[in-house]
Each structure stands twice: as structure tokens, then as C-alpha cells.
Amino acid sequence: MFALFDTTGSATGVVKAFNHDRLTLPRRIQSGPDKGKVVWGPIAHSRVLQILHNPRYAGAFVYGRHQHKPTASGKSAPALQPREQWIALFPDAHAGYISFDKYEANEARLTSNAVAHGKDRRHGPAREGPALLQGMTLCGICGRRMTVRYHQRKHGLEPEYVCQAKGIEYGNPICQRVHGAVVDNTVGRLLVEALTPHAITAALAVADELAARADEAERLRAAGVERAQYQVDLARRRYLAVDPDNRLVAGSLEADWNTALRELTQVRETYENAKNNGGGVLDEAQRARITALAGDFPALWKDPDTPMRERKRLVRLLVADVTLVRADQITVHVRLTGGQEHTLTMPVPLASWQIRQTPSEIVAAIDELLDDHTDGQIAAILTERGHVSGTGQPLRPMIVRHIRNRYGLRSHPQRLADQGMLSLREIARRLDIGLNTVQIWRNNGLLTGRLANDKGEYFYFPPPPDLARPRIGRPPGPRPAPAGTPTESAQGGAV
């Protein structure tokens, strides 16, 4: 259990490792008819914490860890006291599973794993989120620890490092926020460059550790089978040694024998299943694969099968902290555990609206084409040239109109008006004719104009002063005589 805590770094990791390897932990029954009996069962998180916090396992004698104090009901109950209030502490009083220095290191790790401990809120244990520097970033403006926010994007969760300590405590605005993916990628490249010469040695050590863990798990499972077999043999001898006349005792011993046989069957099944499934034992092919990957650490780092939790644990072994400052550019100050310091700079990522913004060359082309073309004609021309909008959509008249309004470009009708051309109503008022007449005159060539919009409306050049206005109405000619009027005969007389 202590070895797994060193490997996983958290009590929860120990529980998961025990369950993965199908290992059990002994405990002594504290009450009931079987009080004092040792039973083996699944490990619990509370039990792991109890063992890690108990200095007895480090070979120390302690007195005064618990004190009985009265509760609200009037009864007394034991209460765990802080270490400063222990009455007596004698390290190395007897042999322990770990040294007392290791016990204190484990206590410090458990304290750092408590993410809500203290105002500074240390990084805590590595988790599954995509933020590589979770809990390790410091604000370069106020010096406080930054927290992580996640935003859902199309490609998945995207981290962001935020300094909001003063905002939470005093209601101040957020100090600064930094795009997490850019910083993580930069620090990852730095670690790849720094670790490449030592990758083979580190990978071989990891392979040896994995093999040792697998052998230890195999040994513990085999020991469990031996214990269960011993209990079966013991129960069998007791049953055979009893006097047959003592039927009650014989029945009780027979029940114990059956219980031991069932436990032996379960333990053997667990052992065989773990053995058949590999149980974490590395074969030669797996060791060869690990050794091959060790020669190319960048490939191992970028391998999608590498869990994010393991990347974070590796970063925490190598990096002490990372200080971020966002101004005209992002400055990343990385302090490695060996004492080396690296300062990296990168441009601030574009905002979402800047990414979707229409390229400047398209805006300039629209401004140039508006002198002679409508929105629909401009959309067709730019599409033929292979241009698209800022969001990647084909250019349509509505998009061209939106770009005009967004950048304050004068429309095609406004530009025609700036050249002195007249709209349909303006030229109709100047010539004192109807709107339909203006269109008739344009069709007959008396007036000239240019297309103003996609609705088919025209703007017209001002007519000259000597415009030959056609006669409006019927042409002159003989009119028919009214009914009842006498007409002249061929001889000139009246008929």
C-alpha cells in the first residue's frame, strides 16, 4: 500500500490500483460475536487514510493523538488532535513499514492533495482535465495562484488560467486571464527539448518499476491463495478431530469448513483470472515497445494513449511553478525543480470575433467594386475569384451589405449620387413627368442611366437643357365631325 501511494500520489489512486489488481487488505472486526477476528476484504479510502496518518506504521510510539471530549449529548468521544498537541512522540521506537521521514513526506503530500487547504489552494493531485499546468500557475501581476476554467468548444474542452482570488474575496475585477492551450503547448515543447537526452534511462526505470509492481501483485495474490488454503486445511483438521457425539460442535465446524472452501474458491478464481489476463505483468514484447518509445520521447509525449493525468504527474516532477503575464504578448516564466529558469514569450491568441473577421483584402476589394457594381454583382465577382467570408461561407449579397454597414462603406447608390446622378423620383420631379414616363424615355433612349441596386432601379444622368421633349398625348390630325352636323357634297352644296 505504501509503495502504491508513492507511485500513484494519492489515496484514491491506491484504492483504484488495489481494485485493478484485485488485491485485498486485512482488517480486524471491532465488535460483535466475531470481535478480534481478522478478515480480508476490498480496500476502502478511509482505511488508506487511516494507515497513512498513523505514525505507528513508521515505527513511532505516540501518546495523545486522540483525546476524549464530551459531546453535546453528554457522552465522550475520541477527537483527533493536531500534532503540536500530542503528549509524547518517540520516532524509531520499533520496526516500521516505512521510515519516519517517509511518514512526514507522506503527510506533506496528503496536505498538498487537499485542494481546499489554506488560502493559497495548492495544485492538489493530478486530475483528468486537459489543463497541463493545473494548480501550478502563478499570476505575474498580483502573485496569487491562478485557477482553471474550462470552455466547451467544438474540438472539446479548452482550458483557461484565471486569476480571480481578489475577485472572490473582495469583489474586484478579474486580474488577468490567459489562454491555456497556448501556454500548455509551449511548456510541453520546452519539456520535450529538455528531457530528450534522459528519455531512455527514465523509460527503462519506469519499465522496471512496472515489472516490480506486477511481480509484487502476483506474489500477494498467491499469498492470498495460500492463506485461504491454510484456513481450509485448518477447518478440515478441526472437523475431523471432533467427537462425532458432539453434534452441535461438529455442525459448527462443518459450517466453518464450508465457509473456508467458498473463500478458497473465490480467491483461486480471482488469482486465475488475473493470471490469465496478464495481471499487469510485462512480457518481452511490451518491454521492447517501452524501450522503443523511450528512444523517441516526443512521440511518447504526443501519444494519444498517454493519459493526461500521467502527463501532469510528469510535469510536476520537473516544474516547480509557472508565472504568467498577459500584456501585448504572453510571457511565461518556467521554474524547473532543478533550479533552471526559462522565460518564453508568445503572441496573444486572437479572439473568436477576430478569427471570424472578414479579411482586409476582401473589404478593400468590396470598397473598390462599389464604384461600378451592386451588392449582388460584387458577391458574384468575389465568389468567382475564390473568396469566402470570415466564417468560411460563400459570399452572398446580404453578406456584402453587412460588410458595407460594418465598415462604413458608402453604397453604390450613394456613390452614384456623389457623381451627380439622379434617382427615379428626382429626375421625374425635375422634368415634371411621371415615373412611368421616365422609364419609357429611358427605353426609347431619351434618358441614360446606370443600375443602382439589385432591384432593377436606375440612377439617371441629368438631362441637357435642350432635351427634345416628345409631345405628350395624341398627334395632331383631322377629327371626326360631331353627330348631326351637315356635310358638304361633291358640288360644294349642303346635303
Protein backbone atom coordinates (compact mmCIF):
# COMPACT_ATOMS: atom_id res chain seq x y z
CA MET A 1 0.00 0.00 0.00
CA PHE A 2 2.82 2.43 0.84
CA ALA A 3 4.57 1.60 -2.45
CA LEU A 4 1.38 2.26 -4.40
CA PHE A 5 0.96 5.59 -2.63
CA ASP A 6 4.45 6.58 -3.78
CA THR A 7 3.56 5.56 -7.32
CA THR A 8 0.04 6.99 -7.64
CA GLY A 9 0.48 10.03 -5.40
CA SER A 10 -2.98 9.92 -3.79
CA ALA A 11 -5.12 7.74 -1.52
CA THR A 12 -7.73 7.40 -4.24
CA GLY A 13 -5.04 6.16 -6.60
CA VAL A 14 -4.13 3.45 -4.09
CA VAL A 15 -7.75 2.29 -3.94
CA LYS A 16 -8.00 2.15 -7.73
CA ALA A 17 -4.71 0.26 -8.02
CA PHE A 18 -5.84 -2.32 -5.42
CA ASN A 19 -9.14 -2.82 -7.23
CA HIS A 20 -7.39 -3.10 -10.59
CA ASP A 21 -5.03 -5.79 -9.30
CA ARG A 22 -7.85 -7.49 -7.31
CA LEU A 23 -5.95 -7.17 -4.04
CA THR A 24 -7.49 -7.31 -0.58
CA LEU A 25 -6.49 -5.77 2.76
CA PRO A 26 -6.86 -7.32 6.23
CA ARG A 27 -8.89 -5.71 8.98
CA ARG A 28 -9.85 -6.78 12.46
CA ILE A 29 -13.52 -6.90 13.43
CA GLN A 30 -14.06 -4.49 16.31
CA SER A 31 -17.41 -5.65 17.70
CA GLY A 32 -19.94 -8.46 17.61
CA PRO A 33 -19.55 -12.18 18.13
CA ASP A 34 -16.51 -12.31 15.82
CA LYS A 35 -14.72 -9.45 17.59
CA GLY A 36 -10.96 -9.69 17.13
CA LYS A 37 -11.16 -11.87 14.04
CA VAL A 38 -9.05 -10.82 11.04
CA VAL A 39 -10.91 -10.77 7.73
CA TRP A 40 -9.70 -9.86 4.24
CA GLY A 41 -11.77 -7.61 2.03
CA PRO A 42 -11.69 -4.78 -0.51
CA ILE A 43 -9.70 -1.72 0.45
CA ALA A 44 -11.53 1.48 1.43
CA HIS A 45 -10.44 5.09 1.01
CA SER A 46 -10.94 5.82 4.70
CA ARG A 47 -8.77 2.82 5.60
CA VAL A 48 -5.94 4.07 3.37
CA LEU A 49 -6.03 7.50 5.02
CA GLN A 50 -6.12 5.89 8.46
CA ILE A 51 -2.96 3.90 7.72
CA LEU A 52 -1.12 6.82 6.11
CA HIS A 53 -1.87 9.19 9.00
CA ASN A 54 -0.94 6.65 11.69
CA PRO A 55 2.73 7.07 12.77
CA ARG A 56 2.70 3.54 14.20
CA TYR A 57 3.39 2.16 10.72
CA ALA A 58 6.54 4.32 10.64
CA GLY A 59 7.89 2.70 13.83
CA ALA A 60 6.98 5.60 16.13
CA PHE A 61 5.37 5.49 19.57
CA VAL A 62 2.76 8.21 20.05
CA TYR A 63 0.63 9.11 23.03
CA GLY A 64 -2.11 11.70 22.96
CA ARG A 65 -3.19 11.57 19.32
CA HIS A 66 -6.78 11.27 20.48
CA GLN A 67 -8.45 12.86 23.46
CA HIS A 68 -11.89 12.03 24.76
CA LYS A 69 -14.05 15.11 24.99
CA PRO A 70 -17.72 15.38 25.93
CA THR A 71 -20.15 15.90 23.09
CA ALA A 72 -23.48 17.74 23.04
CA SER A 73 -25.27 14.56 24.14
CA GLY A 74 -23.12 14.32 27.25
CA LYS A 75 -21.15 11.30 26.07
CA SER A 76 -17.42 11.38 25.45
CA ALA A 77 -15.96 10.61 22.04
CA PRO A 78 -12.35 10.50 20.82
CA ALA A 79 -11.19 13.54 18.86
CA LEU A 80 -8.01 13.61 16.76
CA GLN A 81 -5.60 16.26 17.99
CA PRO A 82 -3.12 18.27 15.90
CA ARG A 83 0.47 17.15 16.03
CA GLU A 84 1.50 20.09 18.21
CA GLN A 85 -0.78 18.82 20.98
CA TRP A 86 0.50 15.23 21.09
CA ILE A 87 1.73 14.40 24.56
CA ALA A 88 4.59 12.10 23.53
CA LEU A 89 6.26 11.16 20.25
CA PHE A 90 9.20 8.73 20.05
CA PRO A 91 10.38 8.04 16.48
CA ASP A 92 12.11 4.74 15.68
CA ALA A 93 10.64 3.08 18.76
CA HIS A 94 10.17 -0.17 16.85
CA ALA A 95 10.49 -1.56 13.34
CA GLY A 96 8.11 0.04 10.86
CA TYR A 97 6.96 -0.44 7.30
CA ILE A 98 8.41 2.96 6.38
CA SER A 99 10.81 5.40 7.96
CA PHE A 100 9.58 8.37 9.97
CA ASP A 101 10.98 10.75 7.34
CA LYS A 102 8.89 8.93 4.76
CA TYR A 103 5.86 9.28 7.02
CA GLU A 104 6.34 13.03 7.21
CA ALA A 105 6.76 13.20 3.43
CA ASN A 106 3.51 11.30 3.01
CA GLU A 107 1.79 13.72 5.39
CA ALA A 108 3.05 16.65 3.34
CA ARG A 109 1.77 15.04 0.14
CA LEU A 110 -1.64 14.41 1.66
CA THR A 111 -1.78 18.04 2.76
CA SER A 112 -0.91 19.26 -0.75
CA ASN A 113 -3.54 16.91 -2.19
CA ALA A 114 -6.23 18.69 -0.17
CA VAL A 115 -7.23 21.21 -2.86
CA ALA A 116 -9.27 23.28 -0.39
CA HIS A 117 -6.46 23.51 2.20
CA GLY A 118 -5.45 27.07 3.01
CA LYS A 119 -6.00 30.29 1.09
CA ASP A 120 -3.34 29.56 -1.49
CA ARG A 121 -5.12 26.39 -2.68
CA ARG A 122 -2.17 24.34 -3.86
CA HIS A 123 -2.39 22.30 -7.04
CA GLY A 124 -3.67 19.10 -5.39
CA PRO A 125 -3.46 15.69 -7.06
CA ALA A 126 -3.24 15.38 -10.84
CA ARG A 127 -6.67 15.07 -12.43
CA GLU A 128 -8.08 14.10 -15.82
CA GLY A 129 -8.74 17.61 -17.18
CA PRO A 130 -6.81 18.88 -20.22
CA ALA A 131 -5.11 21.73 -18.28
CA LEU A 132 -1.47 20.61 -18.17
CA LEU A 133 -0.43 23.19 -15.54
CA GLN A 134 -3.40 22.67 -13.20
CA GLY A 135 -2.63 24.39 -9.88
CA MET A 136 0.93 25.32 -10.90
CA THR A 137 0.38 28.76 -12.48
CA LEU A 138 1.03 32.00 -10.61
CA CYS A 139 -0.22 35.44 -11.58
CA GLY A 140 2.68 37.67 -12.61
CA ILE A 141 0.70 40.78 -11.60
CA CYS A 142 -0.52 40.06 -8.06
CA GLY A 143 1.48 36.89 -7.27
CA ARG A 144 -1.57 34.80 -6.35
CA ARG A 145 -2.24 31.28 -7.56
CA MET A 146 -4.39 31.06 -10.67
CA THR A 147 -7.31 28.69 -11.11
CA VAL A 148 -8.52 26.79 -14.17
CA ARG A 149 -11.69 27.31 -16.14
CA TYR A 150 -12.84 25.06 -18.95
CA HIS A 151 -14.76 26.17 -22.03
CA GLN A 152 -16.62 23.76 -24.29
CA ARG A 153 -15.51 24.08 -27.90
CA LYS A 154 -16.22 22.03 -30.99
CA HIS A 155 -12.98 20.07 -30.55
CA GLY A 156 -13.59 19.51 -26.80
CA LEU A 157 -12.74 21.22 -23.52
CA GLU A 158 -10.34 24.14 -23.70
CA PRO A 159 -8.56 25.36 -20.51
CA GLU A 160 -8.10 28.94 -19.40
CA TYR A 161 -5.95 30.13 -16.48
CA VAL A 162 -7.73 32.83 -14.45
CA CYS A 163 -6.55 34.97 -11.52
CA GLN A 164 -9.75 35.58 -9.59
CA ALA A 165 -8.66 35.36 -5.94
CA LYS A 166 -9.22 39.07 -5.25
CA GLY A 167 -12.44 38.96 -7.21
CA ILE A 168 -13.80 36.20 -4.99
CA GLU A 169 -12.59 37.76 -1.72
CA TYR A 170 -13.13 41.48 -2.36
CA GLY A 171 -15.37 41.62 -5.44
CA ASN A 172 -12.63 43.12 -7.62
CA PRO A 173 -12.49 42.52 -11.38
CA ILE A 174 -10.52 39.52 -12.61
CA CYS A 175 -6.81 40.30 -12.51
CA GLN A 176 -5.95 38.53 -15.77
CA ARG A 177 -6.92 35.51 -17.83
CA VAL A 178 -4.62 33.58 -20.12
CA HIS A 179 -5.47 31.12 -22.88
CA GLY A 180 -4.42 27.74 -21.51
CA ALA A 181 -3.83 25.70 -24.68
CA VAL A 182 -1.15 28.10 -25.95
CA VAL A 183 0.73 28.06 -22.64
CA ASP A 184 0.45 24.27 -22.26
CA ASN A 185 1.80 23.63 -25.75
CA THR A 186 4.75 25.97 -25.17
CA VAL A 187 5.69 24.39 -21.82
CA GLY A 188 5.26 20.92 -23.32
CA ARG A 189 7.72 21.72 -26.11
CA LEU A 190 10.17 23.04 -23.53
CA LEU A 191 10.00 19.81 -21.51
CA VAL A 192 10.41 17.67 -24.63
CA GLU A 193 13.55 19.57 -25.57
CA ALA A 194 14.89 19.35 -22.00
CA LEU A 195 14.15 15.66 -21.43
CA THR A 196 15.10 14.05 -24.70
CA PRO A 197 18.70 13.12 -23.62
CA HIS A 198 17.38 11.34 -20.50
CA ALA A 199 14.34 9.65 -22.03
CA ILE A 200 15.83 6.18 -22.42
CA THR A 201 17.04 5.97 -18.82
CA ALA A 202 13.72 7.22 -17.47
CA ALA A 203 11.69 4.81 -19.59
CA LEU A 204 13.78 1.81 -18.54
CA ALA A 205 13.31 2.78 -14.89
CA VAL A 206 9.56 3.02 -15.47
CA ALA A 207 9.56 -0.41 -17.13
CA ASP A 208 11.44 -1.94 -14.21
CA GLU A 209 9.05 -0.32 -11.74
CA LEU A 210 6.03 -1.64 -13.63
CA ALA A 211 7.53 -5.12 -13.69
CA ALA A 212 8.28 -4.97 -9.97
CA ARG A 213 4.73 -3.83 -9.24
CA ALA A 214 3.32 -6.67 -11.33
CA ASP A 215 5.51 -9.24 -9.56
CA GLU A 216 4.53 -7.86 -6.17
CA ALA A 217 0.83 -8.04 -7.06
CA GLU A 218 1.29 -11.59 -8.29
CA ARG A 219 3.04 -12.54 -5.05
CA LEU A 220 0.32 -11.01 -2.91
CA ARG A 221 -2.41 -12.82 -4.84
CA ALA A 222 -0.55 -16.10 -4.47
CA ALA A 223 -0.15 -15.44 -0.75
CA GLY A 224 -3.90 -14.91 -0.53
CA VAL A 225 -4.47 -18.33 -2.08
CA GLU A 226 -2.05 -19.88 0.41
CA ARG A 227 -3.84 -18.24 3.34
CA ALA A 228 -7.21 -19.45 2.11
CA GLN A 229 -5.81 -22.99 1.61
CA TYR A 230 -4.40 -22.93 5.14
CA GLN A 231 -7.79 -21.92 6.55
CA VAL A 232 -9.42 -24.82 4.64
CA ASP A 233 -6.87 -27.32 5.95
CA LEU A 234 -7.24 -25.99 9.48
CA ALA A 235 -11.03 -26.20 9.35
CA ARG A 236 -10.78 -29.73 7.94
CA ARG A 237 -8.46 -30.92 10.73
CA ARG A 238 -10.70 -29.40 13.36
CA TYR A 239 -13.76 -31.07 11.93
CA LEU A 240 -12.09 -34.48 11.68
CA ALA A 241 -10.74 -34.19 15.21
CA VAL A 242 -14.11 -33.53 16.86
CA ASP A 243 -16.03 -36.22 18.69
CA PRO A 244 -18.98 -37.33 16.48
CA ASP A 245 -21.20 -37.41 19.55
CA ASN A 246 -20.83 -33.63 19.88
CA ARG A 247 -23.23 -32.89 17.06
CA LEU A 248 -23.57 -29.16 17.73
CA VAL A 249 -19.80 -28.64 17.69
CA ALA A 250 -19.46 -30.83 14.61
CA GLY A 251 -22.16 -28.85 12.82
CA SER A 252 -20.44 -25.55 13.66
CA LEU A 253 -17.05 -26.85 12.49
CA GLU A 254 -18.62 -28.18 9.30
CA ALA A 255 -20.11 -24.74 8.58
CA ASP A 256 -16.67 -23.15 9.14
CA TRP A 257 -15.16 -25.68 6.74
CA ASN A 258 -17.76 -24.87 4.06
CA THR A 259 -17.15 -21.12 4.51
CA ALA A 260 -13.39 -21.62 4.14
CA LEU A 261 -13.94 -23.71 0.99
CA ARG A 262 -16.09 -20.98 -0.57
CA GLU A 263 -13.48 -18.32 0.23
CA LEU A 264 -10.77 -20.54 -1.27
CA THR A 265 -12.79 -20.93 -4.46
CA GLN A 266 -13.30 -17.19 -4.78
CA VAL A 267 -9.62 -16.40 -4.15
CA ARG A 268 -8.50 -19.02 -6.68
CA GLU A 269 -10.88 -17.67 -9.32
CA THR A 270 -9.56 -14.16 -8.75
CA TYR A 271 -5.98 -15.40 -8.96
CA GLU A 272 -6.56 -17.38 -12.15
CA ASN A 273 -8.46 -14.54 -13.85
CA ALA A 274 -5.69 -12.06 -13.04
CA LYS A 275 -3.07 -14.52 -14.24
CA ASN A 276 -4.90 -15.25 -17.49
CA ASN A 277 -5.47 -11.55 -18.17
CA GLY A 278 -1.82 -10.73 -17.69
CA GLY A 279 -2.44 -9.02 -14.35
CA GLY A 280 -0.10 -6.19 -15.29
CA VAL A 281 2.91 -8.41 -15.95
CA LEU A 282 5.06 -7.05 -18.75
CA ASP A 283 6.11 -9.57 -21.35
CA GLU A 284 9.14 -9.19 -23.61
CA ALA A 285 7.10 -7.58 -26.39
CA GLN A 286 5.77 -4.91 -24.02
CA ARG A 287 9.22 -4.19 -22.61
CA ALA A 288 10.58 -3.90 -26.15
CA ARG A 289 7.77 -1.45 -27.01
CA ILE A 290 8.53 0.68 -23.96
CA THR A 291 12.22 0.68 -24.77
CA ALA A 292 11.50 1.67 -28.38
CA LEU A 293 9.22 4.50 -27.27
CA ALA A 294 11.88 5.70 -24.86
CA GLY A 295 14.17 6.45 -27.77
CA ASP A 296 11.66 8.98 -29.06
CA PHE A 297 10.33 10.91 -26.10
CA PRO A 298 8.42 13.44 -28.25
CA ALA A 299 6.40 10.59 -29.73
CA LEU A 300 5.69 9.26 -26.23
CA TRP A 301 4.59 12.71 -25.07
CA LYS A 302 2.28 13.20 -28.06
CA ASP A 303 0.90 9.66 -27.95
CA PRO A 304 -2.91 9.99 -27.63
CA ASP A 305 -2.96 6.86 -25.46
CA THR A 306 -0.89 8.61 -22.77
CA PRO A 307 -3.40 9.73 -20.09
CA MET A 308 -3.48 13.42 -19.26
CA ARG A 309 -3.11 12.56 -15.59
CA GLU A 310 0.29 10.95 -16.28
CA ARG A 311 1.45 13.99 -18.28
CA LYS A 312 0.54 16.21 -15.32
CA ARG A 313 2.41 14.00 -12.88
CA LEU A 314 5.49 14.15 -15.09
CA VAL A 315 5.23 17.94 -15.29
CA ARG A 316 5.01 18.21 -11.50
CA LEU A 317 8.18 16.19 -11.12
CA LEU A 318 10.03 18.59 -13.41
CA VAL A 319 8.40 22.00 -12.95
CA ALA A 320 8.18 23.93 -9.67
CA ASP A 321 5.81 26.65 -10.88
CA VAL A 322 4.91 28.76 -13.91
CA THR A 323 4.36 32.54 -13.74
CA LEU A 324 2.10 34.11 -16.39
CA VAL A 325 1.82 37.73 -17.50
CA ARG A 326 -0.52 38.83 -20.28
CA ALA A 327 0.10 42.24 -21.86
CA ASP A 328 0.83 42.95 -25.53
CA GLN A 329 2.12 39.38 -25.53
CA ILE A 330 2.04 36.42 -23.14
CA THR A 331 5.17 35.96 -21.01
CA VAL A 332 5.70 32.54 -19.43
CA HIS A 333 8.36 32.18 -16.74
CA VAL A 334 9.04 28.46 -16.05
CA ARG A 335 10.98 27.48 -12.93
CA LEU A 336 12.21 23.88 -13.01
CA THR A 337 12.76 21.82 -9.87
CA GLY A 338 16.48 21.61 -10.60
CA GLY A 339 16.80 25.38 -10.32
CA GLN A 340 16.83 26.25 -14.01
CA GLU A 341 14.59 29.09 -15.20
CA HIS A 342 13.23 29.73 -18.68
CA THR A 343 11.35 32.78 -19.94
CA LEU A 344 9.17 32.24 -23.01
CA THR A 345 7.04 34.72 -24.97
CA MET A 346 4.20 34.15 -27.40
CA PRO A 347 1.57 36.31 -29.13
CA VAL A 348 -1.86 36.67 -27.57
CA PRO A 349 -4.32 34.35 -29.39
CA LEU A 350 -6.95 36.05 -31.47
CA ALA A 351 -10.43 36.38 -30.01
CA SER A 352 -13.30 34.49 -31.59
CA TRP A 353 -14.61 37.61 -33.30
CA GLN A 354 -11.16 38.33 -34.70
CA ILE A 355 -10.93 34.80 -36.10
CA ARG A 356 -14.29 35.24 -37.84
CA GLN A 357 -13.47 38.75 -39.03
CA THR A 358 -13.59 39.40 -42.78
CA PRO A 359 -10.07 39.62 -44.25
CA SER A 360 -8.90 43.14 -45.00
CA GLU A 361 -8.23 42.35 -48.65
CA ILE A 362 -11.88 41.40 -49.18
CA VAL A 363 -13.03 44.65 -47.55
CA ALA A 364 -10.68 46.60 -49.84
CA ALA A 365 -11.97 44.73 -52.90
CA ILE A 366 -15.59 45.48 -51.96
CA ASP A 367 -14.75 49.16 -51.47
CA GLU A 368 -13.20 49.28 -54.94
CA LEU A 369 -16.03 47.42 -56.69
CA LEU A 370 -18.78 49.52 -55.12
CA ASP A 371 -17.96 52.34 -57.54
CA ASP A 372 -19.38 50.40 -60.50
CA HIS A 373 -21.29 47.35 -59.16
CA THR A 374 -24.20 46.42 -56.94
CA ASP A 375 -24.03 44.10 -53.93
CA GLY A 376 -25.17 41.10 -55.95
CA GLN A 377 -22.66 41.77 -58.72
CA ILE A 378 -19.86 42.17 -56.16
CA ALA A 379 -20.78 38.87 -54.49
CA ALA A 380 -20.67 37.07 -57.85
CA ILE A 381 -17.31 38.66 -58.79
CA LEU A 382 -15.62 37.82 -55.47
CA THR A 383 -17.00 34.26 -55.48
CA GLU A 384 -15.59 33.79 -58.97
CA ARG A 385 -12.22 34.94 -57.64
CA GLY A 386 -12.40 32.25 -54.91
CA HIS A 387 -13.03 34.48 -51.88
CA VAL A 388 -15.24 33.48 -48.91
CA SER A 389 -16.49 35.28 -45.81
CA GLY A 390 -14.70 35.36 -42.46
CA THR A 391 -16.78 32.36 -41.29
CA GLY A 392 -15.93 30.39 -44.44
CA GLN A 393 -19.31 30.85 -46.10
CA PRO A 394 -19.81 31.75 -49.78
CA LEU A 395 -20.26 35.47 -50.30
CA ARG A 396 -23.88 36.48 -50.85
CA PRO A 397 -25.47 39.92 -51.41
CA MET A 398 -26.65 40.03 -47.79
CA ILE A 399 -23.10 39.38 -46.52
CA VAL A 400 -21.72 42.12 -48.78
CA ARG A 401 -24.33 44.53 -47.43
CA HIS A 402 -23.43 43.56 -43.84
CA ILE A 403 -19.72 44.19 -44.54
CA ARG A 404 -20.61 47.60 -46.03
CA ASN A 405 -22.53 48.59 -42.93
CA ARG A 406 -19.90 47.16 -40.56
CA TYR A 407 -17.00 49.09 -42.11
CA GLY A 408 -18.95 52.24 -43.04
CA LEU A 409 -18.54 51.90 -46.81
CA ARG A 410 -20.77 54.08 -48.97
CA SER A 411 -23.22 52.08 -51.04
CA HIS A 412 -23.35 52.03 -54.84
CA PRO A 413 -26.43 54.35 -54.99
CA GLN A 414 -24.69 56.83 -52.66
CA ARG A 415 -21.63 56.84 -54.88
CA LEU A 416 -23.76 57.41 -57.98
CA ALA A 417 -25.42 60.32 -56.19
CA ASP A 418 -21.97 61.72 -55.36
CA GLN A 419 -21.30 61.77 -59.13
CA GLY A 420 -24.37 63.97 -59.67
CA MET A 421 -26.73 61.29 -60.92
CA LEU A 422 -30.43 61.48 -60.06
CA SER A 423 -32.79 58.85 -58.74
CA LEU A 424 -36.04 57.98 -60.46
CA ARG A 425 -38.14 60.37 -58.38
CA GLU A 426 -35.58 63.17 -58.55
CA ILE A 427 -35.42 63.20 -62.36
CA ALA A 428 -39.23 62.85 -62.58
CA ARG A 429 -39.63 65.98 -60.44
CA ARG A 430 -37.01 67.89 -62.47
CA LEU A 431 -38.66 67.05 -65.80
CA ASP A 432 -42.19 67.29 -64.35
CA ILE A 433 -43.20 63.93 -65.75
CA GLY A 434 -44.49 60.70 -64.28
CA LEU A 435 -42.38 57.80 -63.08
CA ASN A 436 -43.59 55.54 -65.87
CA THR A 437 -42.76 58.22 -68.41
CA VAL A 438 -39.18 58.33 -67.16
CA GLN A 439 -38.86 54.61 -67.74
CA ILE A 440 -40.42 54.94 -71.21
CA TRP A 441 -37.98 57.69 -72.13
CA ARG A 442 -35.08 55.54 -70.87
CA ASN A 443 -36.28 52.63 -73.00
CA ASN A 444 -36.54 54.98 -76.03
CA GLY A 445 -33.02 56.31 -75.47
CA LEU A 446 -34.01 59.83 -74.45
CA LEU A 447 -32.52 59.32 -70.94
CA THR A 448 -29.43 57.32 -69.91
CA GLY A 449 -28.66 55.80 -66.51
CA ARG A 450 -26.85 53.12 -64.56
CA LEU A 451 -28.14 50.21 -62.50
CA ALA A 452 -28.22 51.29 -58.83
CA ASN A 453 -29.21 48.14 -56.91
CA ASP A 454 -30.26 44.53 -57.27
CA LYS A 455 -33.95 45.52 -57.52
CA GLY A 456 -33.51 46.83 -61.06
CA GLU A 457 -33.70 50.53 -60.10
CA TYR A 458 -31.61 53.06 -62.03
CA PHE A 459 -29.91 56.34 -61.36
CA TYR A 460 -30.00 58.80 -64.29
CA PHE A 461 -27.60 61.33 -65.70
CA PRO A 462 -29.01 64.87 -65.57
CA PRO A 463 -30.69 65.70 -68.93
CA PRO A 464 -29.33 68.54 -71.06
CA PRO A 465 -31.23 71.85 -71.10
CA ASP A 466 -32.18 71.42 -74.79
CA LEU A 467 -33.70 67.98 -74.32
CA ALA A 468 -36.19 67.36 -77.14
CA ARG A 469 -39.26 66.56 -75.16
CA PRO A 470 -41.65 64.34 -77.13
CA ARG A 471 -45.28 65.52 -77.44
CA ILE A 472 -47.39 64.08 -74.73
CA GLY A 473 -50.81 62.88 -75.92
CA ARG A 474 -52.28 62.20 -79.45
CA PRO A 475 -50.54 63.51 -82.54
CA PRO A 476 -52.41 66.37 -84.46
CA GLY A 477 -54.87 65.33 -87.37
CA PRO A 478 -58.50 65.58 -88.68
CA ARG A 479 -61.06 64.99 -86.06
CA PRO A 480 -64.39 63.22 -86.84
CA ALA A 481 -67.42 65.55 -87.13
CA PRO A 482 -69.93 65.50 -84.35
CA ALA A 483 -73.13 63.62 -84.99
CA GLY A 484 -75.88 65.70 -86.75
CA THR A 485 -73.54 68.15 -88.42
CA PRO A 486 -74.31 68.71 -92.19
CA THR A 487 -71.51 67.79 -94.57
CA GLU A 488 -70.58 69.29 -97.96
CA SER A 489 -71.34 67.38 -101.21
CA ALA A 490 -69.03 66.94 -104.04
CA GLN A 491 -70.59 70.00 -105.75
CA GLY A 492 -69.97 72.03 -102.66
CA GLY A 493 -73.57 72.22 -101.58
CA ALA A 494 -75.08 71.04 -98.44
CA VAL A 495 -76.75 67.68 -98.31
